[in-house]
Amino acid sequence: MGVLFRFLEERGLMDRTMIVFTSDHGDYLGDHWLGEKDLFHEPVIKLPLIIYDPDERADATRGTRSRALVESVDIVPTLLDVYGGSAVPHVLDGLSLRPLLFGTQAHDWRSAVVCEYDFSFQDSRIELQVKPREAWMRMIFDGRWKYVLFENYRPMLFDLDADPEEFHDLGASTAPEHAAARESLHEALFKWARQPRQRVTVADGSIE
């Protein structure tokens, strides 16, 4: 990266180049006595995301850290926003991160993030005797509560405020607070799932 940055500086390109440093997933590296990336604990889903935006409007947040709920799908809309992609008619699930970079987070920013995982090719599917079409896990996280849904199994729930290491699964807890969190996030997850995704080439504005 040092070689790349020196090249950009020598060519005078740093003042018009956005740099995004991220990853496609994390790794347990022994956390929870696991390796690789097969579940939804924080070491796996909390990715590095460092953005250098040369726009002077980003000076408002330069060198700071945002705790906003963002997803990997936000990167493409961000790049399109930078390079004039507003006329692109495709539907994108993500949101441009530039409001966060400029310190002007929209009031209607997302209230939860979602992850999905297909384990149909994993040995665990065979061990659990799960059909390939049902070998699917989904997770939704609102900044405190993390709800994990498996087809044909009870859900999992973690309170990251009280249990940041995610050692205590509250998915079977009968406490009213836990039941309410499960119900709320279950509906939020299915609201997300019910959104039409088959019409990915025509945006609502184009239709209207």
C-alpha atoms as a PDB file:
ATOM      1  CA  MET A   1       0.000   0.000   0.000  1.00  0.00           C
ATOM      2  CA  GLY A   2       2.916   2.304   0.719  1.00  0.00           C
ATOM      3  CA  VAL A   3       4.224   1.796  -2.820  1.00  0.00           C
ATOM      4  CA  LEU A   4       0.766   2.505  -4.225  1.00  0.00           C
ATOM      5  CA  PHE A   5       0.282   5.655  -2.133  1.00  0.00           C
ATOM      6  CA  ARG A   6       3.718   6.998  -3.093  1.00  0.00           C
ATOM      7  CA  PHE A   7       2.858   6.430  -6.744  1.00  0.00           C
ATOM      8  CA  LEU A   8      -0.421   8.335  -6.346  1.00  0.00           C
ATOM      9  CA  GLU A   9       1.322  11.181  -4.547  1.00  0.00           C
ATOM     10  CA  GLU A  10       4.123  11.419  -7.120  1.00  0.00           C
ATOM     11  CA  ARG A  11       1.597  11.572  -9.965  1.00  0.00           C
ATOM     12  CA  GLY A  12      -0.591  14.096  -8.179  1.00  0.00           C
ATOM     13  CA  LEU A  13      -3.499  11.666  -8.021  1.00  0.00           C
ATOM     14  CA  MET A  14      -4.224  11.628  -4.282  1.00  0.00           C
ATOM     15  CA  ASP A  15      -6.445  14.692  -4.503  1.00  0.00           C
ATOM     16  CA  ARG A  16      -8.810  12.969  -6.943  1.00  0.00           C
ATOM     17  CA  THR A  17      -8.688   9.309  -5.922  1.00  0.00           C
ATOM     18  CA  MET A  18     -11.014   7.637  -3.432  1.00  0.00           C
ATOM     19  CA  ILE A  19      -9.407   4.737  -1.568  1.00  0.00           C
ATOM     20  CA  VAL A  20     -11.522   2.029   0.079  1.00  0.00           C
ATOM     21  CA  PHE A  21      -9.854  -0.575   2.295  1.00  0.00           C
ATOM     22  CA  THR A  22     -12.093  -3.471   3.324  1.00  0.00           C
ATOM     23  CA  SER A  23     -12.556  -7.240   3.281  1.00  0.00           C
ATOM     24  CA  ASP A  24     -15.243  -9.689   2.184  1.00  0.00           C
ATOM     25  CA  HIS A  25     -15.467 -11.281   5.654  1.00  0.00           C
ATOM     26  CA  GLY A  26     -13.649 -11.701   8.919  1.00  0.00           C
ATOM     27  CA  ASP A  27     -12.201 -14.834  10.486  1.00  0.00           C
ATOM     28  CA  TYR A  28     -12.662 -16.450  13.869  1.00  0.00           C
ATOM     29  CA  LEU A  29      -8.942 -17.143  14.331  1.00  0.00           C
ATOM     30  CA  GLY A  30      -9.855 -19.248  17.373  1.00  0.00           C
ATOM     31  CA  ASP A  31     -12.577 -17.003  18.814  1.00  0.00           C
ATOM     32  CA  HIS A  32     -15.508 -19.120  19.995  1.00  0.00           C
ATOM     33  CA  TRP A  33     -13.164 -22.082  19.461  1.00  0.00           C
ATOM     34  CA  LEU A  34     -13.782 -21.781  15.724  1.00  0.00           C
ATOM     35  CA  GLY A  35     -11.910 -21.031  12.527  1.00  0.00           C
ATOM     36  CA  GLU A  36     -12.877 -19.520   9.192  1.00  0.00           C
ATOM     37  CA  LYS A  37     -16.285 -17.807   8.855  1.00  0.00           C
ATOM     38  CA  ASP A  38     -19.257 -20.123   9.242  1.00  0.00           C
ATOM     39  CA  LEU A  39     -21.466 -18.206  11.704  1.00  0.00           C
ATOM     40  CA  PHE A  40     -22.437 -14.602  12.480  1.00  0.00           C
ATOM     41  CA  HIS A  41     -20.329 -13.658  15.498  1.00  0.00           C
ATOM     42  CA  GLU A  42     -18.684 -10.224  15.420  1.00  0.00           C
ATOM     43  CA  PRO A  43     -15.179 -11.454  14.428  1.00  0.00           C
ATOM     44  CA  VAL A  44     -16.689 -12.683  11.158  1.00  0.00           C
ATOM     45  CA  ILE A  45     -19.188  -9.981  10.210  1.00  0.00           C
ATOM     46  CA  LYS A  46     -17.500  -6.841  11.561  1.00  0.00           C
ATOM     47  CA  LEU A  47     -15.202  -5.946   8.678  1.00  0.00           C
ATOM     48  CA  PRO A  48     -12.510  -3.324   8.377  1.00  0.00           C
ATOM     49  CA  LEU A  49     -13.799  -0.400   6.324  1.00  0.00           C
ATOM     50  CA  ILE A  50     -11.481   2.566   5.899  1.00  0.00           C
ATOM     51  CA  ILE A  51     -12.386   5.181   3.302  1.00  0.00           C
ATOM     52  CA  TYR A  52     -10.208   8.037   2.119  1.00  0.00           C
ATOM     53  CA  ASP A  53     -12.316  10.596   0.260  1.00  0.00           C
ATOM     54  CA  PRO A  54     -10.259  13.499  -1.154  1.00  0.00           C
ATOM     55  CA  ASP A  55     -13.359  15.716  -1.346  1.00  0.00           C
ATOM     56  CA  GLU A  56     -12.886  18.696   0.977  1.00  0.00           C
ATOM     57  CA  ARG A  57     -16.380  18.083   2.371  1.00  0.00           C
ATOM     58  CA  ALA A  58     -14.994  14.926   3.964  1.00  0.00           C
ATOM     59  CA  ASP A  59     -12.687  17.065   6.101  1.00  0.00           C
ATOM     60  CA  ALA A  60     -15.587  17.228   8.569  1.00  0.00           C
ATOM     61  CA  THR A  61     -15.008  13.600   9.577  1.00  0.00           C
ATOM     62  CA  ARG A  62     -11.439  12.952   8.453  1.00  0.00           C
ATOM     63  CA  GLY A  63      -9.552  10.774  10.913  1.00  0.00           C
ATOM     64  CA  THR A  64     -12.699   9.857  12.835  1.00  0.00           C
ATOM     65  CA  ARG A  65     -14.652   6.637  13.284  1.00  0.00           C
ATOM     66  CA  SER A  66     -18.348   6.196  12.514  1.00  0.00           C
ATOM     67  CA  ARG A  67     -20.567   3.779  14.405  1.00  0.00           C
ATOM     68  CA  ALA A  68     -23.341   3.893  11.803  1.00  0.00           C
ATOM     69  CA  LEU A  69     -24.756   0.584  10.592  1.00  0.00           C
ATOM     70  CA  VAL A  70     -23.212  -0.017   7.168  1.00  0.00           C
ATOM     71  CA  GLU A  71     -23.034  -3.005   4.823  1.00  0.00           C
ATOM     72  CA  SER A  72     -20.650  -4.163   2.111  1.00  0.00           C
ATOM     73  CA  VAL A  73     -23.362  -3.456  -0.443  1.00  0.00           C
ATOM     74  CA  ASP A  74     -22.911   0.257   0.350  1.00  0.00           C
ATOM     75  CA  ILE A  75     -19.585   0.442  -1.459  1.00  0.00           C
ATOM     76  CA  VAL A  76     -20.939   0.345  -5.021  1.00  0.00           C
ATOM     77  CA  PRO A  77     -23.537   3.104  -4.425  1.00  0.00           C
ATOM     78  CA  THR A  78     -20.785   5.173  -2.785  1.00  0.00           C
ATOM     79  CA  LEU A  79     -18.511   4.852  -5.814  1.00  0.00           C
ATOM     80  CA  LEU A  80     -21.392   5.617  -8.175  1.00  0.00           C
ATOM     81  CA  ASP A  81     -22.186   8.685  -6.078  1.00  0.00           C
ATOM     82  CA  VAL A  82     -18.569   9.865  -6.436  1.00  0.00           C
ATOM     83  CA  TYR A  83     -18.391   9.288 -10.160  1.00  0.00           C
ATOM     84  CA  GLY A  84     -21.827  10.505 -11.139  1.00  0.00           C
ATOM     85  CA  GLY A  85     -23.879   7.338 -11.079  1.00  0.00           C
ATOM     86  CA  SER A  86     -27.192   8.956 -10.208  1.00  0.00           C
ATOM     87  CA  ALA A  87     -28.539   8.317 -13.719  1.00  0.00           C
ATOM     88  CA  VAL A  88     -27.848   4.572 -13.546  1.00  0.00           C
ATOM     89  CA  PRO A  89     -31.303   2.912 -13.677  1.00  0.00           C
ATOM     90  CA  HIS A  90     -30.394  -0.212 -11.700  1.00  0.00           C
ATOM     91  CA  VAL A  91     -31.814  -0.922  -8.261  1.00  0.00           C
ATOM     92  CA  LEU A  92     -29.109  -1.211  -5.598  1.00  0.00           C
ATOM     93  CA  ASP A  93     -29.665  -2.513  -2.075  1.00  0.00           C
ATOM     94  CA  GLY A  94     -26.892  -0.368  -0.629  1.00  0.00           C
ATOM     95  CA  LEU A  95     -26.702   3.289   0.373  1.00  0.00           C
ATOM     96  CA  SER A  96     -24.048   5.839  -0.494  1.00  0.00           C
ATOM     97  CA  LEU A  97     -21.723   6.396   2.452  1.00  0.00           C
ATOM     98  CA  ARG A  98     -20.879   9.946   1.433  1.00  0.00           C
ATOM     99  CA  PRO A  99     -23.375  11.519   3.864  1.00  0.00           C
ATOM    100  CA  LEU A 100     -21.481   9.758   6.651  1.00  0.00           C
ATOM    101  CA  LEU A 101     -18.159  10.909   5.234  1.00  0.00           C
ATOM    102  CA  PHE A 102     -19.430  14.494   5.068  1.00  0.00           C
ATOM    103  CA  GLY A 103     -20.876  14.365   8.593  1.00  0.00           C
ATOM    104  CA  THR A 104     -24.461  14.743   7.353  1.00  0.00           C
ATOM    105  CA  GLN A 105     -25.968  11.326   8.053  1.00  0.00           C
ATOM    106  CA  ALA A 106     -29.489  11.124   6.675  1.00  0.00           C
ATOM    107  CA  HIS A 107     -32.268  10.992   9.264  1.00  0.00           C
ATOM    108  CA  ASP A 108     -33.716   7.911   7.572  1.00  0.00           C
ATOM    109  CA  TRP A 109     -30.475   5.893   7.680  1.00  0.00           C
ATOM    110  CA  ARG A 110     -30.986   2.152   8.076  1.00  0.00           C
ATOM    111  CA  SER A 111     -31.828   0.900  11.540  1.00  0.00           C
ATOM    112  CA  ALA A 112     -30.425  -2.621  11.056  1.00  0.00           C
ATOM    113  CA  VAL A 113     -27.990  -4.609   8.929  1.00  0.00           C
ATOM    114  CA  VAL A 114     -28.535  -8.050   7.427  1.00  0.00           C
ATOM    115  CA  CYS A 115     -26.232 -10.995   6.643  1.00  0.00           C
ATOM    116  CA  GLU A 116     -26.991 -14.235   4.830  1.00  0.00           C
ATOM    117  CA  TYR A 117     -25.119 -17.508   4.610  1.00  0.00           C
ATOM    118  CA  ASP A 118     -25.770 -20.584   2.441  1.00  0.00           C
ATOM    119  CA  PHE A 119     -24.374 -23.705   4.107  1.00  0.00           C
ATOM    120  CA  SER A 120     -25.746 -26.170   1.552  1.00  0.00           C
ATOM    121  CA  PHE A 121     -22.212 -27.180   0.515  1.00  0.00           C
ATOM    122  CA  GLN A 122     -20.961 -27.638   4.086  1.00  0.00           C
ATOM    123  CA  ASP A 123     -20.612 -30.946   5.936  1.00  0.00           C
ATOM    124  CA  SER A 124     -22.815 -29.493   8.663  1.00  0.00           C
ATOM    125  CA  ARG A 125     -25.810 -29.679   6.319  1.00  0.00           C
ATOM    126  CA  ILE A 126     -25.362 -33.445   6.036  1.00  0.00           C
ATOM    127  CA  GLU A 127     -24.814 -33.840   9.779  1.00  0.00           C
ATOM    128  CA  LEU A 128     -28.015 -31.895  10.466  1.00  0.00           C
ATOM    129  CA  GLN A 129     -29.918 -33.720   7.699  1.00  0.00           C
ATOM    130  CA  VAL A 130     -31.001 -30.401   6.185  1.00  0.00           C
ATOM    131  CA  LYS A 131     -32.188 -30.233   2.587  1.00  0.00           C
ATOM    132  CA  PRO A 132     -30.069 -27.993   0.328  1.00  0.00           C
ATOM    133  CA  ARG A 133     -32.882 -25.492  -0.211  1.00  0.00           C
ATOM    134  CA  GLU A 134     -33.298 -25.144   3.550  1.00  0.00           C
ATOM    135  CA  ALA A 135     -29.590 -24.783   4.343  1.00  0.00           C
ATOM    136  CA  TRP A 136     -29.794 -21.060   4.839  1.00  0.00           C
ATOM    137  CA  MET A 137     -28.988 -18.756   7.738  1.00  0.00           C
ATOM    138  CA  ARG A 138     -29.948 -15.105   8.060  1.00  0.00           C
ATOM    139  CA  MET A 139     -28.951 -12.524  10.639  1.00  0.00           C
ATOM    140  CA  ILE A 140     -30.207  -9.050  11.479  1.00  0.00           C
ATOM    141  CA  PHE A 141     -28.499  -6.661  13.907  1.00  0.00           C
ATOM    142  CA  ASP A 142     -29.834  -3.317  15.120  1.00  0.00           C
ATOM    143  CA  GLY A 143     -26.803  -2.086  17.023  1.00  0.00           C
ATOM    144  CA  ARG A 144     -27.683  -3.943  20.205  1.00  0.00           C
ATOM    145  CA  TRP A 145     -29.653  -7.102  19.476  1.00  0.00           C
ATOM    146  CA  LYS A 146     -28.434  -9.724  17.023  1.00  0.00           C
ATOM    147  CA  TYR A 147     -31.087 -12.177  15.792  1.00  0.00           C
ATOM    148  CA  VAL A 148     -30.058 -15.292  13.836  1.00  0.00           C
ATOM    149  CA  LEU A 149     -32.644 -17.390  11.993  1.00  0.00           C
ATOM    150  CA  PHE A 150     -32.147 -20.948  10.775  1.00  0.00           C
ATOM    151  CA  GLU A 151     -34.819 -22.790   8.822  1.00  0.00           C
ATOM    152  CA  ASN A 152     -36.464 -25.492  10.989  1.00  0.00           C
ATOM    153  CA  TYR A 153     -34.552 -24.537  14.143  1.00  0.00           C
ATOM    154  CA  ARG A 154     -35.188 -22.078  16.940  1.00  0.00           C
ATOM    155  CA  PRO A 155     -33.587 -18.651  16.475  1.00  0.00           C
ATOM    156  CA  MET A 156     -30.561 -17.320  18.306  1.00  0.00           C
ATOM    157  CA  LEU A 157     -30.433 -13.932  20.035  1.00  0.00           C
ATOM    158  CA  PHE A 158     -27.520 -12.009  21.493  1.00  0.00           C
ATOM    159  CA  ASP A 159     -27.513  -8.791  23.491  1.00  0.00           C
ATOM    160  CA  LEU A 160     -24.246  -7.121  22.520  1.00  0.00           C
ATOM    161  CA  ASP A 161     -24.643  -4.400  25.132  1.00  0.00           C
ATOM    162  CA  ALA A 162     -24.678  -6.895  28.000  1.00  0.00           C
ATOM    163  CA  ASP A 163     -22.749  -9.666  26.264  1.00  0.00           C
ATOM    164  CA  PRO A 164     -20.299  -8.178  23.729  1.00  0.00           C
ATOM    165  CA  GLU A 165     -18.434 -11.495  23.373  1.00  0.00           C
ATOM    166  CA  GLU A 166     -21.696 -13.258  22.386  1.00  0.00           C
ATOM    167  CA  PHE A 167     -21.353 -16.131  24.822  1.00  0.00           C
ATOM    168  CA  HIS A 168     -25.007 -16.178  25.955  1.00  0.00           C
ATOM    169  CA  ASP A 169     -27.631 -17.223  23.417  1.00  0.00           C
ATOM    170  CA  LEU A 170     -31.020 -15.779  24.429  1.00  0.00           C
ATOM    171  CA  GLY A 171     -32.938 -17.430  21.611  1.00  0.00           C
ATOM    172  CA  ALA A 172     -34.904 -19.637  24.036  1.00  0.00           C
ATOM    173  CA  SER A 173     -35.200 -17.103  26.848  1.00  0.00           C
ATOM    174  CA  THR A 174     -38.725 -16.433  28.105  1.00  0.00           C
ATOM    175  CA  ALA A 175     -37.845 -12.988  29.489  1.00  0.00           C
ATOM    176  CA  PRO A 176     -40.278 -10.404  28.041  1.00  0.00           C
ATOM    177  CA  GLU A 177     -37.444  -8.154  26.842  1.00  0.00           C
ATOM    178  CA  HIS A 178     -35.839 -10.999  24.917  1.00  0.00           C
ATOM    179  CA  ALA A 179     -39.135 -12.173  23.431  1.00  0.00           C
ATOM    180  CA  ALA A 180     -39.888  -8.612  22.304  1.00  0.00           C
ATOM    181  CA  ALA A 181     -36.457  -8.267  20.693  1.00  0.00           C
ATOM    182  CA  ARG A 182     -36.896 -11.544  18.817  1.00  0.00           C
ATOM    183  CA  GLU A 183     -40.341 -10.564  17.578  1.00  0.00           C
ATOM    184  CA  SER A 184     -39.247  -7.103  16.473  1.00  0.00           C
ATOM    185  CA  LEU A 185     -36.154  -8.308  14.624  1.00  0.00           C
ATOM    186  CA  HIS A 186     -37.993 -11.256  13.084  1.00  0.00           C
ATOM    187  CA  GLU A 187     -40.478  -8.857  11.489  1.00  0.00           C
ATOM    188  CA  ALA A 188     -37.684  -6.478  10.432  1.00  0.00           C
ATOM    189  CA  LEU A 189     -35.827  -9.363   8.777  1.00  0.00           C
ATOM    190  CA  PHE A 190     -38.897 -10.462   6.851  1.00  0.00           C
ATOM    191  CA  LYS A 191     -39.737  -6.918   5.851  1.00  0.00           C
ATOM    192  CA  TRP A 192     -36.269  -6.828   4.318  1.00  0.00           C
ATOM    193  CA  ALA A 193     -36.833 -10.240   2.668  1.00  0.00           C
ATOM    194  CA  ARG A 194     -40.192  -9.182   1.214  1.00  0.00           C
ATOM    195  CA  GLN A 195     -38.671  -6.330  -0.769  1.00  0.00           C
ATOM    196  CA  PRO A 196     -38.850  -7.072  -4.517  1.00  0.00           C
ATOM    197  CA  ARG A 197     -35.460  -8.005  -5.941  1.00  0.00           C
ATOM    198  CA  GLN A 198     -36.506  -9.494  -9.254  1.00  0.00           C
ATOM    199  CA  ARG A 199     -36.769  -6.007 -10.811  1.00  0.00           C
ATOM    200  CA  VAL A 200     -33.104  -5.105 -10.547  1.00  0.00           C
ATOM    201  CA  THR A 201     -32.670  -3.153 -13.787  1.00  0.00           C
ATOM    202  CA  VAL A 202     -35.395  -0.505 -13.444  1.00  0.00           C
ATOM    203  CA  ALA A 203     -35.417   1.907 -10.505  1.00  0.00           C
ATOM    204  CA  ASP A 204     -38.666   3.215  -9.035  1.00  0.00           C
ATOM    205  CA  GLY A 205     -37.946   6.716 -10.370  1.00  0.00           C
ATOM    206  CA  SER A 206     -37.729   5.377 -13.911  1.00  0.00           C
ATOM    207  CA  ILE A 207     -41.095   3.629 -13.525  1.00  0.00           C
ATOM    208  CA  GLU A 208     -42.773   6.719 -12.088  1.00  0.00           C
END
